PDB file of N, CA and C in Angstrom:
ATOM      1  N   MET A   1     -59.579  -4.513  50.277  1.00  0.00           N
ATOM      2  CA  MET A   1     -58.706  -5.174  48.880  1.00  0.00           C
ATOM      3  C   MET A   1     -59.038  -4.483  47.534  1.00  0.00           C
ATOM      4  N   ALA A   2     -60.827  -4.721  47.483  1.00  0.00           N
ATOM      5  CA  ALA A   2     -61.503  -4.107  46.171  1.00  0.00           C
ATOM      6  C   ALA A   2     -61.429  -2.719  45.901  1.00  0.00           C
ATOM      7  N   GLU A   3     -61.526  -1.967  47.039  1.00  0.00           N
ATOM      8  CA  GLU A   3     -61.367  -0.615  46.814  1.00  0.00           C
ATOM      9  C   GLU A   3     -59.658  -0.610  46.599  1.00  0.00           C
ATOM     10  N   HIS A   4     -58.824  -0.831  46.767  1.00  0.00           N
ATOM     11  CA  HIS A   4     -57.624  -0.358  46.253  1.00  0.00           C
ATOM     12  C   HIS A   4     -57.893  -0.879  44.776  1.00  0.00           C
ATOM     13  N   ASN A   5     -58.042  -1.986  43.968  1.00  0.00           N
ATOM     14  CA  ASN A   5     -58.224  -2.225  42.826  1.00  0.00           C
ATOM     15  C   ASN A   5     -59.027  -1.326  42.041  1.00  0.00           C
ATOM     16  N   SER A   6     -59.935  -0.859  42.393  1.00  0.00           N
ATOM     17  CA  SER A   6     -60.783  -0.109  41.789  1.00  0.00           C
ATOM     18  C   SER A   6     -60.057   1.531  41.523  1.00  0.00           C
ATOM     19  N   ASN A   7     -59.468   1.820  42.492  1.00  0.00           N
ATOM     20  CA  ASN A   7     -58.381   3.051  42.203  1.00  0.00           C
ATOM     21  C   ASN A   7     -57.558   2.969  41.497  1.00  0.00           C
ATOM     22  N   ARG A   8     -57.203   1.931  41.516  1.00  0.00           N
ATOM     23  CA  ARG A   8     -55.855   1.583  40.605  1.00  0.00           C
ATOM     24  C   ARG A   8     -56.565   1.610  39.242  1.00  0.00           C
ATOM     25  N   GLU A   9     -57.376   0.850  38.876  1.00  0.00           N
ATOM     26  CA  GLU A   9     -58.206   0.786  37.189  1.00  0.00           C
ATOM     27  C   GLU A   9     -58.279   2.586  37.028  1.00  0.00           C
ATOM     28  N   GLY A  10     -59.049   3.287  37.914  1.00  0.00           N
ATOM     29  CA  GLY A  10     -59.244   4.642  36.925  1.00  0.00           C
ATOM     30  C   GLY A  10     -58.215   5.388  37.266  1.00  0.00           C
ATOM     31  N   LEU A  11     -56.977   4.878  37.545  1.00  0.00           N
ATOM     32  CA  LEU A  11     -55.856   5.762  37.091  1.00  0.00           C
ATOM     33  C   LEU A  11     -55.272   5.413  36.084  1.00  0.00           C
ATOM     34  N   LEU A  12     -55.101   4.154  35.491  1.00  0.00           N
ATOM     35  CA  LEU A  12     -54.828   3.599  34.470  1.00  0.00           C
ATOM     36  C   LEU A  12     -55.644   4.142  33.012  1.00  0.00           C
ATOM     37  N   LEU A  13     -57.183   4.226  33.690  1.00  0.00           N
ATOM     38  CA  LEU A  13     -57.469   4.775  32.326  1.00  0.00           C
ATOM     39  C   LEU A  13     -57.870   6.289  32.039  1.00  0.00           C
ATOM     40  N   LYS A  14     -57.120   7.212  32.884  1.00  0.00           N
ATOM     41  CA  LYS A  14     -56.847   8.404  32.979  1.00  0.00           C
ATOM     42  C   LYS A  14     -56.143   9.045  31.763  1.00  0.00           C
ATOM     43  N   THR A  15     -56.754   9.493  30.716  1.00  0.00           N
ATOM     44  CA  THR A  15     -56.078   9.902  29.876  1.00  0.00           C
ATOM     45  C   THR A  15     -55.943  11.685  29.412  1.00  0.00           C
ATOM     46  N   GLU A  16     -55.306  12.237  30.533  1.00  0.00           N
ATOM     47  CA  GLU A  16     -55.716  13.823  30.574  1.00  0.00           C
ATOM     48  C   GLU A  16     -54.203  14.246  29.911  1.00  0.00           C
ATOM     49  N   TYR A  17     -54.083  14.933  28.791  1.00  0.00           N
ATOM     50  CA  TYR A  17     -53.081  15.666  28.154  1.00  0.00           C
ATOM     51  C   TYR A  17     -52.812  16.843  28.385  1.00  0.00           C
ATOM     52  N   TYR A  18     -51.539  17.310  28.661  1.00  0.00           N
ATOM     53  CA  TYR A  18     -51.243  18.915  28.787  1.00  0.00           C
ATOM     54  C   TYR A  18     -51.018  19.231  27.575  1.00  0.00           C
ATOM     55  N   GLU A  19     -50.978  20.549  27.135  1.00  0.00           N
ATOM     56  CA  GLU A  19     -50.321  21.639  26.270  1.00  0.00           C
ATOM     57  C   GLU A  19     -49.456  21.380  25.612  1.00  0.00           C
ATOM     58  N   ASN A  20     -48.085  21.810  26.531  1.00  0.00           N
ATOM     59  CA  ASN A  20     -46.849  21.819  26.148  1.00  0.00           C
ATOM     60  C   ASN A  20     -46.053  20.566  26.869  1.00  0.00           C
ATOM     61  N   CYS A  21     -46.600  19.773  27.511  1.00  0.00           N
ATOM     62  CA  CYS A  21     -45.772  18.425  28.185  1.00  0.00           C
ATOM     63  C   CYS A  21     -45.150  17.587  26.965  1.00  0.00           C
ATOM     64  N   PRO A  22     -43.690  17.633  26.917  1.00  0.00           N
ATOM     65  CA  PRO A  22     -43.126  16.700  25.573  1.00  0.00           C
ATOM     66  C   PRO A  22     -43.602  15.271  25.639  1.00  0.00           C
ATOM     67  N   GLY A  23     -44.266  14.506  27.143  1.00  0.00           N
ATOM     68  CA  GLY A  23     -44.584  13.232  27.194  1.00  0.00           C
ATOM     69  C   GLY A  23     -45.868  13.031  27.119  1.00  0.00           C
ATOM     70  N   CYS A  24     -46.769  14.014  27.190  1.00  0.00           N
ATOM     71  CA  CYS A  24     -48.165  13.756  26.705  1.00  0.00           C
ATOM     72  C   CYS A  24     -48.385  13.934  25.118  1.00  0.00           C
ATOM     73  N   ARG A  25     -47.163  14.540  24.388  1.00  0.00           N
ATOM     74  CA  ARG A  25     -47.219  15.060  23.052  1.00  0.00           C
ATOM     75  C   ARG A  25     -46.726  13.645  22.485  1.00  0.00           C
ATOM     76  N   ILE A  26     -45.870  12.941  23.113  1.00  0.00           N
ATOM     77  CA  ILE A  26     -45.443  11.272  22.614  1.00  0.00           C
ATOM     78  C   ILE A  26     -46.476  10.559  22.848  1.00  0.00           C
ATOM     79  N   ASN A  27     -47.130  10.454  23.607  1.00  0.00           N
ATOM     80  CA  ASN A  27     -48.204   9.451  24.078  1.00  0.00           C
ATOM     81  C   ASN A  27     -49.461   9.505  22.747  1.00  0.00           C
ATOM     82  N   THR A  28     -49.555  10.985  22.612  1.00  0.00           N
ATOM     83  CA  THR A  28     -50.651  10.999  21.708  1.00  0.00           C
ATOM     84  C   THR A  28     -50.133  10.784  19.967  1.00  0.00           C
ATOM     85  N   SER A  29     -49.345  10.810  20.091  1.00  0.00           N
ATOM     86  CA  SER A  29     -48.695  10.530  18.576  1.00  0.00           C
ATOM     87  C   SER A  29     -48.347   8.703  18.446  1.00  0.00           C
ATOM     88  N   LYS A  30     -48.118   8.514  19.374  1.00  0.00           N
ATOM     89  CA  LYS A  30     -48.442   7.021  20.101  1.00  0.00           C
ATOM     90  C   LYS A  30     -49.419   6.374  19.643  1.00  0.00           C
ATOM     91  N   GLU A  31     -51.035   7.464  20.131  1.00  0.00           N
ATOM     92  CA  GLU A  31     -51.997   7.002  20.055  1.00  0.00           C
ATOM     93  C   GLU A  31     -52.521   6.733  18.418  1.00  0.00           C
ATOM     94  N   THR A  32     -52.075   7.701  17.528  1.00  0.00           N
ATOM     95  CA  THR A  32     -52.918   8.366  16.490  1.00  0.00           C
ATOM     96  C   THR A  32     -51.784   7.481  15.063  1.00  0.00           C
ATOM     97  N   ASN A  33     -50.414   7.357  15.362  1.00  0.00           N
ATOM     98  CA  ASN A  33     -49.219   6.770  14.387  1.00  0.00           C
ATOM     99  C   ASN A  33     -49.343   5.298  14.959  1.00  0.00           C
ATOM    100  N   PHE A  34     -49.348   4.222  14.273  1.00  0.00           N
ATOM    101  CA  PHE A  34     -49.224   3.155  14.471  1.00  0.00           C
ATOM    102  C   PHE A  34     -48.292   2.311  13.206  1.00  0.00           C
ATOM    103  N   GLY A  35     -47.087   1.439  13.699  1.00  0.00           N
ATOM    104  CA  GLY A  35     -46.325   1.200  12.754  1.00  0.00           C
ATOM    105  C   GLY A  35     -44.673   1.822  12.853  1.00  0.00           C
ATOM    106  N   ILE A  36     -43.913   1.736  12.546  1.00  0.00           N
ATOM    107  CA  ILE A  36     -42.554   2.364  12.588  1.00  0.00           C
ATOM    108  C   ILE A  36     -42.416   3.822  12.182  1.00  0.00           C
ATOM    109  N   PRO A  37     -42.043   4.364  12.932  1.00  0.00           N
ATOM    110  CA  PRO A  37     -42.088   5.854  12.882  1.00  0.00           C
ATOM    111  C   PRO A  37     -40.724   6.504  12.097  1.00  0.00           C
ATOM    112  N   TYR A  38     -40.669   6.263  10.483  1.00  0.00           N
ATOM    113  CA  TYR A  38     -39.752   6.203   9.582  1.00  0.00           C
ATOM    114  C   TYR A  38     -39.239   8.114   9.709  1.00  0.00           C
ATOM    115  N   LYS A  39     -40.382   8.733   9.997  1.00  0.00           N
ATOM    116  CA  LYS A  39     -40.132  10.240   9.799  1.00  0.00           C
ATOM    117  C   LYS A  39     -38.879  10.658  10.949  1.00  0.00           C
ATOM    118  N   ASP A  40     -39.192   9.880  12.249  1.00  0.00           N
ATOM    119  CA  ASP A  40     -38.521  10.268  13.387  1.00  0.00           C
ATOM    120  C   ASP A  40     -37.381   9.610  13.229  1.00  0.00           C
ATOM    121  N   LEU A  41     -37.022   8.141  12.742  1.00  0.00           N
ATOM    122  CA  LEU A  41     -35.632   7.923  12.612  1.00  0.00           C
ATOM    123  C   LEU A  41     -35.080   8.360  11.199  1.00  0.00           C
ATOM    124  N   PHE A  42     -35.629   9.068  10.438  1.00  0.00           N
ATOM    125  CA  PHE A  42     -34.404   9.564   9.678  1.00  0.00           C
ATOM    126  C   PHE A  42     -34.387  11.273  10.328  1.00  0.00           C
ATOM    127  N   TYR A  43     -34.972  11.826  11.279  1.00  0.00           N
ATOM    128  CA  TYR A  43     -34.234  12.680  11.771  1.00  0.00           C
ATOM    129  C   TYR A  43     -33.227  12.451  12.829  1.00  0.00           C
ATOM    130  N   ILE A  44     -33.067  11.571  13.413  1.00  0.00           N
ATOM    131  CA  ILE A  44     -31.983  11.084  13.954  1.00  0.00           C
ATOM    132  C   ILE A  44     -30.953  10.719  13.466  1.00  0.00           C
ATOM    133  N   TRP A  45     -31.175   9.907  12.317  1.00  0.00           N
ATOM    134  CA  TRP A  45     -30.102   9.406  11.000  1.00  0.00           C
ATOM    135  C   TRP A  45     -29.134  10.753  10.542  1.00  0.00           C
ATOM    136  N   ILE A  46     -30.384  12.123  10.386  1.00  0.00           N
ATOM    137  CA  ILE A  46     -29.573  13.438   9.548  1.00  0.00           C
ATOM    138  C   ILE A  46     -29.025  13.914  10.971  1.00  0.00           C
ATOM    139  N   VAL A  47     -29.021  13.733  12.169  1.00  0.00           N
ATOM    140  CA  VAL A  47     -28.578  14.218  13.359  1.00  0.00           C
ATOM    141  C   VAL A  47     -27.245  13.563  13.416  1.00  0.00           C
ATOM    142  N   ALA A  48     -27.237  12.274  13.625  1.00  0.00           N
ATOM    143  CA  ALA A  48     -25.980  11.335  14.160  1.00  0.00           C
ATOM    144  C   ALA A  48     -24.924  11.834  12.705  1.00  0.00           C
ATOM    145  N   LEU A  49     -25.913  11.356  11.449  1.00  0.00           N
ATOM    146  CA  LEU A  49     -24.375  12.142  10.134  1.00  0.00           C
ATOM    147  C   LEU A  49     -23.839  13.379  10.405  1.00  0.00           C
ATOM    148  N   THR A  50     -24.774  14.359  10.773  1.00  0.00           N
ATOM    149  CA  THR A  50     -23.982  15.514  10.600  1.00  0.00           C
ATOM    150  C   THR A  50     -23.179  15.813  11.945  1.00  0.00           C
ATOM    151  N   THR A  51     -23.459  15.055  13.015  1.00  0.00           N
ATOM    152  CA  THR A  51     -22.367  15.623  14.235  1.00  0.00           C
ATOM    153  C   THR A  51     -21.241  14.360  13.868  1.00  0.00           C
ATOM    154  N   PHE A  52     -21.186  13.409  13.344  1.00  0.00           N
ATOM    155  CA  PHE A  52     -19.896  12.823  12.495  1.00  0.00           C
ATOM    156  C   PHE A  52     -19.141  13.505  11.733  1.00  0.00           C
ATOM    157  N   LEU A  53     -20.039  14.310  10.473  1.00  0.00           N
ATOM    158  CA  LEU A  53     -19.119  14.742   9.548  1.00  0.00           C
ATOM    159  C   LEU A  53     -18.060  15.665   9.934  1.00  0.00           C
ATOM    160  N   PRO A  54     -17.885  16.377  10.607  1.00  0.00           N
ATOM    161  CA  PRO A  54     -17.018  17.607  10.920  1.00  0.00           C
ATOM    162  C   PRO A  54     -16.129  16.561  11.653  1.00  0.00           C
ATOM    163  N   VAL A  55     -15.906  15.671  12.475  1.00  0.00           N
ATOM    164  CA  VAL A  55     -14.968  14.909  13.146  1.00  0.00           C
ATOM    165  C   VAL A  55     -14.108  14.188  11.548  1.00  0.00           C
ATOM    166  N   SER A  56     -15.144  13.821  11.076  1.00  0.00           N
ATOM    167  CA  SER A  56     -14.098  12.586  10.362  1.00  0.00           C
ATOM    168  C   SER A  56     -13.707  13.720   8.753  1.00  0.00           C
ATOM    169  N   SER A  57     -14.164  14.888   8.844  1.00  0.00           N
ATOM    170  CA  SER A  57     -13.356  15.639   7.600  1.00  0.00           C
ATOM    171  C   SER A  57     -11.841  16.186   8.291  1.00  0.00           C
ATOM    172  N   LEU A  58     -11.955  16.129  10.112  1.00  0.00           N
ATOM    173  CA  LEU A  58     -10.590  17.107  10.434  1.00  0.00           C
ATOM    174  C   LEU A  58      -9.588  15.632  10.692  1.00  0.00           C
ATOM    175  N   TYR A  59      -9.743  14.699  10.549  1.00  0.00           N
ATOM    176  CA  TYR A  59      -8.539  13.242  10.686  1.00  0.00           C
ATOM    177  C   TYR A  59      -7.648  13.529   9.103  1.00  0.00           C
ATOM    178  N   PRO A  60      -8.153  13.693   8.157  1.00  0.00           N
ATOM    179  CA  PRO A  60      -7.249  14.072   6.771  1.00  0.00           C
ATOM    180  C   PRO A  60      -6.572  15.359   7.108  1.00  0.00           C
ATOM    181  N   TYR A  61      -6.767  16.140   7.830  1.00  0.00           N
ATOM    182  CA  TYR A  61      -5.890  17.692   7.771  1.00  0.00           C
ATOM    183  C   TYR A  61      -4.865  17.125   8.989  1.00  0.00           C
ATOM    184  N   LEU A  62      -5.333  16.556  10.051  1.00  0.00           N
ATOM    185  CA  LEU A  62      -4.174  16.152  11.439  1.00  0.00           C
ATOM    186  C   LEU A  62      -3.333  15.279  10.705  1.00  0.00           C
ATOM    187  N   TYR A  63      -3.565  14.358   9.594  1.00  0.00           N
ATOM    188  CA  TYR A  63      -2.773  13.435   8.869  1.00  0.00           C
ATOM    189  C   TYR A  63      -1.634  14.326   8.350  1.00  0.00           C
ATOM    190  N   PHE A  64      -2.230  14.913   7.751  1.00  0.00           N
ATOM    191  CA  PHE A  64      -1.084  16.168   6.425  1.00  0.00           C
ATOM    192  C   PHE A  64      -0.512  17.023   7.415  1.00  0.00           C
ATOM    193  N   LEU A  65      -0.829  17.589   8.474  1.00  0.00           N
ATOM    194  CA  LEU A  65       0.013  18.066   9.156  1.00  0.00           C
ATOM    195  C   LEU A  65       0.870  17.598   9.953  1.00  0.00           C
ATOM    196  N   VAL A  66       0.736  15.996  10.819  1.00  0.00           N
ATOM    197  CA  VAL A  66       1.802  15.441  11.562  1.00  0.00           C
ATOM    198  C   VAL A  66       2.790  15.474  10.673  1.00  0.00           C
ATOM    199  N   SER A  67       2.663  14.280   9.090  1.00  0.00           N
ATOM    200  CA  SER A  67       3.319  14.049   8.418  1.00  0.00           C
ATOM    201  C   SER A  67       4.458  15.438   7.814  1.00  0.00           C
ATOM    202  N   ASN A  68       3.881  16.390   7.653  1.00  0.00           N
ATOM    203  CA  ASN A  68       4.866  17.496   7.050  1.00  0.00           C
ATOM    204  C   ASN A  68       5.580  17.562   8.689  1.00  0.00           C
ATOM    205  N   VAL A  69       5.474  17.516   9.529  1.00  0.00           N
ATOM    206  CA  VAL A  69       6.476  18.120  10.969  1.00  0.00           C
ATOM    207  C   VAL A  69       7.178  17.027  10.731  1.00  0.00           C
ATOM    208  N   VAL A  70       6.871  15.483  10.206  1.00  0.00           N
ATOM    209  CA  VAL A  70       7.875  14.547  10.651  1.00  0.00           C
ATOM    210  C   VAL A  70       8.725  14.760   9.284  1.00  0.00           C
ATOM    211  N   LEU A  71       8.264  14.955   8.382  1.00  0.00           N
ATOM    212  CA  LEU A  71       8.978  15.059   7.284  1.00  0.00           C
ATOM    213  C   LEU A  71      10.048  16.225   7.243  1.00  0.00           C
ATOM    214  N   HIS A  72       9.402  17.263   7.950  1.00  0.00           N
ATOM    215  CA  HIS A  72      10.697  18.620   7.978  1.00  0.00           C
ATOM    216  C   HIS A  72      11.387  18.337   8.863  1.00  0.00           C
ATOM    217  N   ARG A  73      11.259  17.213  10.280  1.00  0.00           N
ATOM    218  CA  ARG A  73      12.367  17.011  10.980  1.00  0.00           C
ATOM    219  C   ARG A  73      13.363  16.068  10.328  1.00  0.00           C
ATOM    220  N   ILE A  74      12.873  15.426   9.549  1.00  0.00           N
ATOM    221  CA  ILE A  74      14.170  14.446   9.187  1.00  0.00           C
ATOM    222  C   ILE A  74      14.711  14.783   7.712  1.00  0.00           C
ATOM    223  N   SER A  75      14.436  15.987   7.027  1.00  0.00           N
ATOM    224  CA  SER A  75      15.386  16.761   6.553  1.00  0.00           C
ATOM    225  C   SER A  75      15.568  17.900   6.369  1.00  0.00           C
ATOM    226  N   THR A  76      15.544  18.240   7.851  1.00  0.00           N
ATOM    227  CA  THR A  76      16.323  19.275   8.370  1.00  0.00           C
ATOM    228  C   THR A  76      17.084  19.154   9.486  1.00  0.00           C
ATOM    229  N   PRO A  77      18.759  18.782   9.454  1.00  0.00           N
ATOM    230  CA  PRO A  77      19.414  18.436  10.214  1.00  0.00           C
ATOM    231  C   PRO A  77      19.621  19.771  11.529  1.00  0.00           C
ATOM    232  N   CYS A  78      19.485  19.166  12.995  1.00  0.00           N
ATOM    233  CA  CYS A  78      19.738  20.511  14.246  1.00  0.00           C
ATOM    234  C   CYS A  78      20.870  20.968  14.032  1.00  0.00           C
ATOM    235  N   LYS A  79      21.027  22.094  14.103  1.00  0.00           N
ATOM    236  CA  LYS A  79      22.275  23.034  13.877  1.00  0.00           C
ATOM    237  C   LYS A  79      22.550  23.346  15.535  1.00  0.00           C
ATOM    238  N   LEU A  80      21.977  23.261  16.510  1.00  0.00           N
ATOM    239  CA  LEU A  80      22.126  23.596  17.765  1.00  0.00           C
ATOM    240  C   LEU A  80      23.660  22.844  18.158  1.00  0.00           C
ATOM    241  N   GLN A  81      24.505  23.848  18.778  1.00  0.00           N
ATOM    242  CA  GLN A  81      25.779  23.326  19.370  1.00  0.00           C
ATOM    243  C   GLN A  81      25.952  23.533  20.846  1.00  0.00           C
ATOM    244  N   VAL A  82      25.761  22.775  21.516  1.00  0.00           N
ATOM    245  CA  VAL A  82      25.866  22.708  22.702  1.00  0.00           C
ATOM    246  C   VAL A  82      27.492  22.661  23.664  1.00  0.00           C
TER     247      VAL A  82
END
């Protein structure tokens, strides 16, 4: 049992970081930077804002398009005789 605990402690203290590993990069940034990561939160906010803007600019156009179609159908009577 004691041997099992010594192996476990050795694995927990191991800090080998690889060059292009994204998880290792995050762990090193966590070790060096303490506090709230405002820069990363700002990047996430900008991405969320830019993905929302095209959708919000599309709704007024669709509203205008649908209202014109409805008004056109009301103002022109159907001339088809069956």
